[in-house]
Amino acid sequence: MIRAITFDLWNTLIVERSYTDLRVEALREVLLEHGISRGREEILGAYEVVAARYSRIWAEEHRHFSNLEWLALSLKLLGVDLPTDAGELVVRRGEDAFLLEPPSFNDGAEEIVKELSRRLRLGIISDTGVTPGSVIRRFLAERGLLGFFSATIFSDEIGYCKPNGRAFGEALRQLG
């Protein structure tokens, strides 16, 4: 007997979209606020190098690559240093890009979640990339869907990406 179902988030419940431009602009603005001028293309180039590294770590090691790691490597590639508080601001702005231009739900996803939650316990198991679980939960709560999920497992919170079994084990634990 099926008692629970887990969903992936990206391209299953919500339509994936790129936030690269907003994140590149966030870094460019904070650099400018600290008297450091770097062009958009140069920052984008560093961002893309780090994205490729993230993809390799995700695919080969199944571990989460934190936003602070992402920023540190980007700054190294750009040859700049930022104070800790400025780095934290870049990370926060980059994470909040998801909320500035929120994605849409796939057709029927909201209705399916509501319908299935009447009979089953539901969970989300999702690799987060640059958008952390805390931001995704806020997005789901603002749209009235968070309460339908008994488990929300995000790679940035557990440190591992799918298909690492820790993500699925944690979902089973939360779902009881």
N, C-alpha and C. Protein backbone atom coordinates (compact mmCIF):
# COMPACT_ATOMS: atom_id res chain seq x y z
N MET A 1 0.84 -1.19 0.00
CA MET A 1 0.00 0.00 0.00
C MET A 1 0.88 1.25 0.00
N ILE A 2 0.61 2.16 -0.89
CA ILE A 2 1.35 3.42 -0.96
C ILE A 2 0.83 4.34 0.14
N ARG A 3 1.78 4.87 0.94
CA ARG A 3 1.40 5.78 2.02
C ARG A 3 1.97 7.18 1.83
N ALA A 4 2.96 7.30 0.94
CA ALA A 4 3.61 8.60 0.74
C ALA A 4 4.16 8.69 -0.69
N ILE A 5 4.28 9.91 -1.14
CA ILE A 5 4.86 10.19 -2.45
C ILE A 5 5.80 11.38 -2.28
N THR A 6 6.96 11.30 -2.93
CA THR A 6 7.85 12.46 -2.95
C THR A 6 7.93 13.00 -4.38
N PHE A 7 8.12 14.28 -4.44
CA PHE A 7 8.25 15.00 -5.72
C PHE A 7 9.61 15.65 -5.80
N ASP A 8 10.13 15.73 -7.00
CA ASP A 8 11.23 16.63 -7.28
C ASP A 8 10.59 18.02 -7.43
N LEU A 9 11.38 19.06 -7.32
CA LEU A 9 10.83 20.40 -7.43
C LEU A 9 10.95 20.95 -8.86
N TRP A 10 12.20 21.07 -9.34
CA TRP A 10 12.49 21.72 -10.61
C TRP A 10 11.98 20.89 -11.78
N ASN A 11 11.17 21.52 -12.59
CA ASN A 11 10.57 20.92 -13.79
C ASN A 11 9.65 19.76 -13.48
N THR A 12 9.29 19.59 -12.23
CA THR A 12 8.25 18.64 -11.85
C THR A 12 7.09 19.44 -11.27
N LEU A 13 7.34 20.15 -10.18
CA LEU A 13 6.31 21.02 -9.61
C LEU A 13 6.38 22.42 -10.19
N ILE A 14 7.58 22.95 -10.29
CA ILE A 14 7.73 24.31 -10.83
C ILE A 14 8.56 24.27 -12.11
N VAL A 15 8.38 25.29 -12.92
CA VAL A 15 9.11 25.42 -14.18
C VAL A 15 10.45 26.08 -13.87
N GLU A 16 11.51 25.36 -14.22
CA GLU A 16 12.84 25.90 -13.96
C GLU A 16 13.10 27.09 -14.86
N ARG A 17 13.77 28.08 -14.29
CA ARG A 17 14.17 29.25 -15.06
C ARG A 17 15.53 29.71 -14.58
N SER A 18 16.18 30.52 -15.33
CA SER A 18 17.51 30.99 -15.00
C SER A 18 17.45 32.29 -14.20
N TYR A 19 18.27 32.34 -13.17
CA TYR A 19 18.41 33.56 -12.37
C TYR A 19 19.83 34.11 -12.49
N THR A 20 20.55 33.61 -13.47
CA THR A 20 21.95 34.01 -13.65
C THR A 20 22.10 35.52 -13.79
N ASP A 21 21.29 36.15 -14.63
CA ASP A 21 21.43 37.59 -14.85
C ASP A 21 21.23 38.37 -13.56
N LEU A 22 20.23 38.02 -12.77
CA LEU A 22 19.99 38.71 -11.51
C LEU A 22 21.15 38.49 -10.53
N ARG A 23 21.70 37.29 -10.52
CA ARG A 23 22.80 36.98 -9.60
C ARG A 23 24.09 37.65 -10.02
N VAL A 24 24.35 37.71 -11.30
CA VAL A 24 25.53 38.42 -11.81
C VAL A 24 25.40 39.90 -11.47
N GLU A 25 24.22 40.46 -11.66
CA GLU A 25 24.01 41.87 -11.35
C GLU A 25 24.16 42.15 -9.86
N ALA A 26 23.71 41.25 -9.01
CA ALA A 26 23.86 41.42 -7.56
C ALA A 26 25.34 41.51 -7.19
N LEU A 27 26.15 40.64 -7.77
CA LEU A 27 27.59 40.68 -7.49
C LEU A 27 28.21 41.96 -8.04
N ARG A 28 27.83 42.34 -9.24
CA ARG A 28 28.37 43.57 -9.86
C ARG A 28 28.06 44.79 -9.00
N GLU A 29 26.82 44.86 -8.50
CA GLU A 29 26.41 46.01 -7.67
C GLU A 29 27.18 46.07 -6.36
N VAL A 30 27.35 44.93 -5.69
CA VAL A 30 28.08 44.93 -4.43
C VAL A 30 29.55 45.26 -4.66
N LEU A 31 30.11 44.75 -5.74
CA LEU A 31 31.49 45.12 -6.05
C LEU A 31 31.61 46.62 -6.24
N LEU A 32 30.67 47.21 -6.99
CA LEU A 32 30.69 48.66 -7.21
C LEU A 32 30.55 49.43 -5.90
N GLU A 33 29.70 48.93 -5.00
CA GLU A 33 29.52 49.57 -3.70
C GLU A 33 30.83 49.57 -2.90
N HIS A 34 31.73 48.67 -3.23
CA HIS A 34 33.03 48.58 -2.55
C HIS A 34 34.18 49.10 -3.43
N GLY A 35 33.81 49.90 -4.44
CA GLY A 35 34.81 50.55 -5.27
C GLY A 35 35.53 49.63 -6.23
N ILE A 36 34.92 48.49 -6.55
CA ILE A 36 35.54 47.52 -7.46
C ILE A 36 34.69 47.44 -8.72
N SER A 37 35.31 47.77 -9.83
CA SER A 37 34.58 47.76 -11.10
C SER A 37 34.96 46.53 -11.91
N ARG A 38 33.96 45.73 -12.22
CA ARG A 38 34.14 44.58 -13.10
C ARG A 38 32.95 44.58 -14.05
N GLY A 39 33.21 44.29 -15.30
CA GLY A 39 32.16 44.27 -16.30
C GLY A 39 31.25 43.07 -16.14
N ARG A 40 30.04 43.25 -16.65
CA ARG A 40 29.06 42.17 -16.57
C ARG A 40 29.58 40.89 -17.21
N GLU A 41 30.22 41.01 -18.38
CA GLU A 41 30.71 39.83 -19.09
C GLU A 41 31.81 39.12 -18.29
N GLU A 42 32.66 39.88 -17.64
CA GLU A 42 33.72 39.27 -16.82
C GLU A 42 33.12 38.52 -15.64
N ILE A 43 32.14 39.11 -15.00
CA ILE A 43 31.48 38.45 -13.87
C ILE A 43 30.72 37.23 -14.36
N LEU A 44 30.03 37.37 -15.48
CA LEU A 44 29.31 36.22 -16.05
C LEU A 44 30.28 35.09 -16.38
N GLY A 45 31.43 35.41 -16.91
CA GLY A 45 32.42 34.39 -17.22
C GLY A 45 32.85 33.62 -15.98
N ALA A 46 33.10 34.34 -14.88
CA ALA A 46 33.47 33.69 -13.62
C ALA A 46 32.31 32.84 -13.12
N TYR A 47 31.10 33.37 -13.21
CA TYR A 47 29.91 32.64 -12.77
C TYR A 47 29.77 31.33 -13.53
N GLU A 48 30.01 31.38 -14.83
CA GLU A 48 29.87 30.18 -15.66
C GLU A 48 30.95 29.15 -15.36
N VAL A 49 32.16 29.59 -15.04
CA VAL A 49 33.23 28.66 -14.65
C VAL A 49 32.83 27.95 -13.36
N VAL A 50 32.31 28.72 -12.41
CA VAL A 50 31.89 28.13 -11.13
C VAL A 50 30.69 27.21 -11.35
N ALA A 51 29.77 27.58 -12.22
CA ALA A 51 28.62 26.73 -12.51
C ALA A 51 29.07 25.38 -13.07
N ALA A 52 30.08 25.40 -13.91
CA ALA A 52 30.60 24.14 -14.47
C ALA A 52 31.24 23.30 -13.37
N ARG A 53 31.94 23.94 -12.46
CA ARG A 53 32.53 23.20 -11.32
C ARG A 53 31.43 22.61 -10.45
N TYR A 54 30.40 23.42 -10.17
CA TYR A 54 29.26 22.92 -9.40
C TYR A 54 28.66 21.69 -10.07
N SER A 55 28.46 21.77 -11.38
CA SER A 55 27.86 20.65 -12.11
C SER A 55 28.70 19.39 -11.99
N ARG A 56 30.01 19.55 -12.04
CA ARG A 56 30.90 18.39 -11.91
C ARG A 56 30.80 17.79 -10.51
N ILE A 57 30.84 18.62 -9.50
CA ILE A 57 30.74 18.14 -8.12
C ILE A 57 29.39 17.47 -7.89
N TRP A 58 28.34 18.07 -8.41
CA TRP A 58 26.99 17.51 -8.28
C TRP A 58 26.93 16.13 -8.94
N ALA A 59 27.45 16.02 -10.15
CA ALA A 59 27.36 14.78 -10.91
C ALA A 59 28.28 13.69 -10.38
N GLU A 60 29.49 14.07 -9.96
CA GLU A 60 30.47 13.07 -9.57
C GLU A 60 30.46 12.74 -8.09
N GLU A 61 30.26 13.75 -7.25
CA GLU A 61 30.36 13.55 -5.80
C GLU A 61 29.00 13.53 -5.10
N HIS A 62 27.98 14.00 -5.76
CA HIS A 62 26.63 14.10 -5.20
C HIS A 62 26.63 14.86 -3.87
N ARG A 63 27.44 15.91 -3.83
CA ARG A 63 27.44 16.76 -2.64
C ARG A 63 27.02 18.16 -3.03
N HIS A 64 26.45 18.84 -2.08
CA HIS A 64 26.00 20.21 -2.32
C HIS A 64 27.20 21.14 -2.33
N PHE A 65 27.20 22.07 -3.23
CA PHE A 65 28.24 23.10 -3.37
C PHE A 65 27.60 24.38 -2.85
N SER A 66 28.05 24.88 -1.70
CA SER A 66 27.37 26.00 -1.04
C SER A 66 27.53 27.31 -1.80
N ASN A 67 26.63 28.23 -1.50
CA ASN A 67 26.68 29.54 -2.13
C ASN A 67 27.92 30.32 -1.70
N LEU A 68 28.39 30.08 -0.48
CA LEU A 68 29.62 30.74 -0.04
C LEU A 68 30.82 30.19 -0.82
N GLU A 69 30.82 28.88 -1.11
CA GLU A 69 31.87 28.31 -1.96
C GLU A 69 31.81 28.93 -3.35
N TRP A 70 30.58 29.04 -3.87
CA TRP A 70 30.35 29.63 -5.19
C TRP A 70 30.93 31.04 -5.25
N LEU A 71 30.61 31.84 -4.23
CA LEU A 71 31.07 33.23 -4.20
C LEU A 71 32.59 33.29 -4.05
N ALA A 72 33.15 32.49 -3.14
CA ALA A 72 34.60 32.53 -2.92
C ALA A 72 35.37 32.21 -4.20
N LEU A 73 34.92 31.21 -4.92
CA LEU A 73 35.60 30.85 -6.16
C LEU A 73 35.40 31.94 -7.22
N SER A 74 34.20 32.51 -7.29
CA SER A 74 33.95 33.60 -8.25
C SER A 74 34.87 34.79 -7.96
N LEU A 75 34.98 35.16 -6.69
CA LEU A 75 35.83 36.29 -6.32
C LEU A 75 37.29 36.00 -6.64
N LYS A 76 37.72 34.76 -6.40
CA LYS A 76 39.10 34.37 -6.71
C LYS A 76 39.36 34.51 -8.21
N LEU A 77 38.41 34.03 -9.02
CA LEU A 77 38.56 34.14 -10.47
C LEU A 77 38.59 35.59 -10.93
N LEU A 78 37.86 36.45 -10.22
CA LEU A 78 37.83 37.87 -10.56
C LEU A 78 39.00 38.64 -9.96
N GLY A 79 39.75 37.99 -9.07
CA GLY A 79 40.90 38.63 -8.44
C GLY A 79 40.53 39.72 -7.47
N VAL A 80 39.42 39.54 -6.74
CA VAL A 80 38.98 40.55 -5.78
C VAL A 80 38.68 39.93 -4.42
N ASP A 81 38.73 40.78 -3.41
CA ASP A 81 38.34 40.40 -2.06
C ASP A 81 37.18 41.29 -1.63
N LEU A 82 36.30 40.71 -0.85
CA LEU A 82 35.20 41.47 -0.27
C LEU A 82 35.17 41.20 1.23
N PRO A 83 34.77 42.19 2.02
CA PRO A 83 34.57 41.91 3.44
C PRO A 83 33.47 40.86 3.62
N THR A 84 33.52 40.17 4.73
CA THR A 84 32.56 39.08 4.98
C THR A 84 31.12 39.55 4.85
N ASP A 85 30.79 40.72 5.42
CA ASP A 85 29.41 41.19 5.36
C ASP A 85 28.98 41.48 3.93
N ALA A 86 29.89 41.96 3.10
CA ALA A 86 29.56 42.21 1.69
C ALA A 86 29.34 40.90 0.96
N GLY A 87 30.15 39.90 1.26
CA GLY A 87 29.96 38.58 0.66
C GLY A 87 28.62 37.99 1.04
N GLU A 88 28.25 38.14 2.30
CA GLU A 88 26.95 37.64 2.76
C GLU A 88 25.81 38.36 2.05
N LEU A 89 25.99 39.65 1.79
CA LEU A 89 24.98 40.42 1.04
C LEU A 89 24.83 39.91 -0.38
N VAL A 90 25.95 39.61 -1.04
CA VAL A 90 25.90 39.05 -2.40
C VAL A 90 25.13 37.74 -2.39
N VAL A 91 25.46 36.88 -1.43
CA VAL A 91 24.79 35.57 -1.34
C VAL A 91 23.29 35.76 -1.12
N ARG A 92 22.93 36.62 -0.18
CA ARG A 92 21.50 36.84 0.12
C ARG A 92 20.76 37.39 -1.10
N ARG A 93 21.34 38.36 -1.77
CA ARG A 93 20.70 38.92 -2.97
C ARG A 93 20.57 37.86 -4.07
N GLY A 94 21.59 37.04 -4.21
CA GLY A 94 21.54 35.97 -5.20
C GLY A 94 20.46 34.95 -4.89
N GLU A 95 20.33 34.63 -3.62
CA GLU A 95 19.30 33.67 -3.21
C GLU A 95 17.90 34.24 -3.39
N ASP A 96 17.76 35.52 -3.07
CA ASP A 96 16.44 36.17 -3.15
C ASP A 96 16.00 36.44 -4.59
N ALA A 97 16.90 36.28 -5.56
CA ALA A 97 16.52 36.47 -6.96
C ALA A 97 15.32 35.59 -7.32
N PHE A 98 15.27 34.40 -6.74
CA PHE A 98 14.17 33.46 -6.96
C PHE A 98 12.83 34.08 -6.56
N LEU A 99 12.83 34.86 -5.48
CA LEU A 99 11.59 35.48 -5.00
C LEU A 99 11.25 36.76 -5.77
N LEU A 100 12.27 37.41 -6.33
CA LEU A 100 12.02 38.64 -7.10
C LEU A 100 11.27 38.33 -8.39
N GLU A 101 11.61 37.22 -8.99
CA GLU A 101 10.94 36.78 -10.23
C GLU A 101 10.58 35.31 -10.07
N PRO A 102 9.57 35.02 -9.26
CA PRO A 102 9.27 33.61 -8.95
C PRO A 102 8.86 32.81 -10.17
N PRO A 103 9.17 31.54 -10.12
CA PRO A 103 8.79 30.67 -11.24
C PRO A 103 7.30 30.36 -11.20
N SER A 104 6.83 29.79 -12.26
CA SER A 104 5.44 29.35 -12.29
C SER A 104 5.39 27.86 -11.98
N PHE A 105 4.22 27.39 -11.61
CA PHE A 105 4.01 25.97 -11.39
C PHE A 105 3.71 25.30 -12.73
N ASN A 106 4.13 24.07 -12.87
CA ASN A 106 3.75 23.30 -14.04
C ASN A 106 2.24 23.13 -14.05
N ASP A 107 1.67 23.01 -15.23
CA ASP A 107 0.23 22.84 -15.36
C ASP A 107 -0.26 21.68 -14.50
N GLY A 108 -1.21 21.96 -13.65
CA GLY A 108 -1.84 20.93 -12.83
C GLY A 108 -1.09 20.55 -11.57
N ALA A 109 0.12 21.06 -11.37
CA ALA A 109 0.93 20.66 -10.22
C ALA A 109 0.25 21.02 -8.89
N GLU A 110 -0.25 22.22 -8.78
CA GLU A 110 -0.89 22.64 -7.53
C GLU A 110 -2.10 21.76 -7.21
N GLU A 111 -2.89 21.49 -8.22
CA GLU A 111 -4.09 20.68 -8.02
C GLU A 111 -3.73 19.25 -7.63
N ILE A 112 -2.71 18.70 -8.26
CA ILE A 112 -2.27 17.33 -7.94
C ILE A 112 -1.79 17.25 -6.50
N VAL A 113 -1.01 18.23 -6.07
CA VAL A 113 -0.51 18.25 -4.69
C VAL A 113 -1.69 18.29 -3.72
N LYS A 114 -2.63 19.16 -3.95
CA LYS A 114 -3.78 19.28 -3.05
C LYS A 114 -4.60 18.00 -3.02
N GLU A 115 -4.83 17.41 -4.18
CA GLU A 115 -5.63 16.19 -4.26
C GLU A 115 -4.92 15.02 -3.57
N LEU A 116 -3.66 14.81 -3.88
CA LEU A 116 -2.93 13.69 -3.30
C LEU A 116 -2.76 13.83 -1.79
N SER A 117 -2.65 15.06 -1.31
CA SER A 117 -2.45 15.27 0.13
C SER A 117 -3.66 14.84 0.96
N ARG A 118 -4.80 14.66 0.34
CA ARG A 118 -5.99 14.18 1.05
C ARG A 118 -5.86 12.71 1.44
N ARG A 119 -5.03 11.96 0.69
CA ARG A 119 -4.92 10.52 0.90
C ARG A 119 -3.52 10.06 1.32
N LEU A 120 -2.51 10.87 1.01
CA LEU A 120 -1.14 10.43 1.20
C LEU A 120 -0.30 11.52 1.86
N ARG A 121 0.80 11.09 2.47
CA ARG A 121 1.79 12.05 2.97
C ARG A 121 2.67 12.42 1.79
N LEU A 122 2.99 13.70 1.67
CA LEU A 122 3.77 14.18 0.53
C LEU A 122 5.10 14.77 0.99
N GLY A 123 6.07 14.63 0.12
CA GLY A 123 7.37 15.21 0.39
C GLY A 123 7.99 15.78 -0.87
N ILE A 124 8.98 16.62 -0.67
CA ILE A 124 9.80 17.15 -1.75
C ILE A 124 11.23 16.74 -1.45
N ILE A 125 11.90 16.19 -2.46
CA ILE A 125 13.34 15.93 -2.39
C ILE A 125 13.94 16.69 -3.55
N SER A 126 14.76 17.70 -3.26
CA SER A 126 15.22 18.57 -4.33
C SER A 126 16.67 19.00 -4.14
N ASP A 127 17.42 18.94 -5.22
CA ASP A 127 18.71 19.60 -5.26
C ASP A 127 18.41 21.08 -5.42
N THR A 128 19.15 21.90 -4.71
CA THR A 128 18.79 23.31 -4.68
C THR A 128 19.64 24.20 -5.57
N GLY A 129 20.84 23.79 -5.90
CA GLY A 129 21.68 24.71 -6.64
C GLY A 129 21.91 25.96 -5.83
N VAL A 130 21.64 27.12 -6.39
CA VAL A 130 21.89 28.39 -5.71
C VAL A 130 20.70 28.86 -4.89
N THR A 131 19.52 28.33 -5.14
CA THR A 131 18.32 28.73 -4.40
C THR A 131 18.14 27.78 -3.21
N PRO A 132 18.36 28.26 -1.98
CA PRO A 132 18.33 27.36 -0.83
C PRO A 132 16.91 26.93 -0.43
N GLY A 133 16.86 25.87 0.33
CA GLY A 133 15.59 25.34 0.80
C GLY A 133 14.76 26.36 1.57
N SER A 134 15.41 27.21 2.35
CA SER A 134 14.66 28.22 3.12
C SER A 134 13.89 29.15 2.19
N VAL A 135 14.48 29.52 1.06
CA VAL A 135 13.81 30.40 0.10
C VAL A 135 12.69 29.64 -0.62
N ILE A 136 12.94 28.38 -0.95
CA ILE A 136 11.91 27.58 -1.61
C ILE A 136 10.72 27.38 -0.67
N ARG A 137 10.98 27.11 0.61
CA ARG A 137 9.87 26.97 1.57
C ARG A 137 9.06 28.26 1.65
N ARG A 138 9.76 29.38 1.66
CA ARG A 138 9.05 30.68 1.71
C ARG A 138 8.16 30.85 0.49
N PHE A 139 8.69 30.51 -0.68
CA PHE A 139 7.93 30.58 -1.92
C PHE A 139 6.68 29.69 -1.82
N LEU A 140 6.85 28.45 -1.39
CA LEU A 140 5.72 27.53 -1.27
C LEU A 140 4.71 28.01 -0.24
N ALA A 141 5.19 28.57 0.87
CA ALA A 141 4.28 29.08 1.90
C ALA A 141 3.48 30.27 1.38
N GLU A 142 4.13 31.17 0.65
CA GLU A 142 3.45 32.34 0.10
C GLU A 142 2.36 31.95 -0.89
N ARG A 143 2.51 30.79 -1.49
CA ARG A 143 1.51 30.31 -2.45
C ARG A 143 0.54 29.30 -1.84
N GLY A 144 0.64 29.12 -0.54
CA GLY A 144 -0.29 28.26 0.18
C GLY A 144 -0.08 26.77 -0.02
N LEU A 145 1.11 26.36 -0.45
CA LEU A 145 1.34 24.93 -0.71
C LEU A 145 2.25 24.24 0.31
N LEU A 146 3.01 24.97 1.08
CA LEU A 146 3.97 24.34 1.98
C LEU A 146 3.30 23.37 2.94
N GLY A 147 2.16 23.73 3.45
CA GLY A 147 1.46 22.90 4.43
C GLY A 147 1.00 21.54 3.91
N PHE A 148 1.03 21.34 2.62
CA PHE A 148 0.64 20.06 2.05
C PHE A 148 1.77 19.02 2.11
N PHE A 149 2.97 19.48 2.45
CA PHE A 149 4.13 18.60 2.46
C PHE A 149 4.55 18.27 3.89
N SER A 150 4.67 16.98 4.17
CA SER A 150 5.13 16.51 5.48
C SER A 150 6.65 16.46 5.55
N ALA A 151 7.30 16.48 4.41
CA ALA A 151 8.77 16.42 4.36
C ALA A 151 9.26 17.34 3.24
N THR A 152 10.28 18.11 3.56
CA THR A 152 10.93 18.94 2.54
C THR A 152 12.43 18.75 2.73
N ILE A 153 13.03 18.07 1.78
CA ILE A 153 14.45 17.74 1.84
C ILE A 153 15.17 18.53 0.75
N PHE A 154 16.12 19.36 1.16
CA PHE A 154 16.86 20.18 0.21
C PHE A 154 18.35 19.95 0.36
N SER A 155 19.04 19.84 -0.76
CA SER A 155 20.46 19.48 -0.75
C SER A 155 21.32 20.45 0.05
N ASP A 156 20.98 21.73 0.05
CA ASP A 156 21.81 22.67 0.81
C ASP A 156 21.70 22.43 2.31
N GLU A 157 20.62 21.82 2.76
CA GLU A 157 20.43 21.58 4.19
C GLU A 157 21.02 20.25 4.65
N ILE A 158 21.05 19.27 3.77
CA ILE A 158 21.61 17.97 4.18
C ILE A 158 23.03 17.77 3.66
N GLY A 159 23.46 18.63 2.74
CA GLY A 159 24.83 18.58 2.25
C GLY A 159 25.07 17.62 1.09
N TYR A 160 24.04 16.92 0.66
CA TYR A 160 24.18 15.92 -0.40
C TYR A 160 23.08 16.10 -1.43
N CYS A 161 23.41 15.74 -2.66
CA CYS A 161 22.46 15.82 -3.77
C CYS A 161 21.99 14.43 -4.17
N LYS A 162 20.87 14.38 -4.85
CA LYS A 162 20.39 13.12 -5.40
C LYS A 162 21.38 12.66 -6.46
N PRO A 163 21.65 11.44 -6.58
CA PRO A 163 20.97 10.28 -6.02
C PRO A 163 21.56 9.75 -4.70
N ASN A 164 22.34 10.57 -3.98
CA ASN A 164 22.86 10.12 -2.70
C ASN A 164 21.72 9.64 -1.82
N GLY A 165 21.85 8.47 -1.25
CA GLY A 165 20.78 7.86 -0.47
C GLY A 165 20.39 8.63 0.78
N ARG A 166 21.26 9.53 1.25
CA ARG A 166 20.92 10.29 2.46
C ARG A 166 19.68 11.15 2.26
N ALA A 167 19.52 11.68 1.06
CA ALA A 167 18.34 12.51 0.78
C ALA A 167 17.06 11.69 0.90
N PHE A 168 17.09 10.49 0.36
CA PHE A 168 15.90 9.63 0.39
C PHE A 168 15.65 9.08 1.79
N GLY A 169 16.73 8.76 2.50
CA GLY A 169 16.60 8.29 3.88
C GLY A 169 15.99 9.35 4.77
N GLU A 170 16.41 10.60 4.59
CA GLU A 170 15.86 11.68 5.39
C GLU A 170 14.38 11.90 5.05
N ALA A 171 14.03 11.76 3.79
CA ALA A 171 12.62 11.88 3.42
C ALA A 171 11.78 10.79 4.08
N LEU A 172 12.28 9.57 4.05
CA LEU A 172 11.56 8.47 4.71
C LEU A 172 11.39 8.75 6.21
N ARG A 173 12.46 9.26 6.85
CA ARG A 173 12.38 9.56 8.28
C ARG A 173 11.31 10.63 8.52
N GLN A 174 11.34 11.71 7.75
CA GLN A 174 10.37 12.79 7.96
C GLN A 174 8.95 12.36 7.65
N LEU A 175 8.81 11.48 6.68
CA LEU A 175 7.47 11.01 6.32
C LEU A 175 6.93 9.93 7.26
N GLY A 176 7.80 9.44 8.11
CA GLY A 176 7.38 8.42 9.08
C GLY A 176 7.15 7.07 8.43
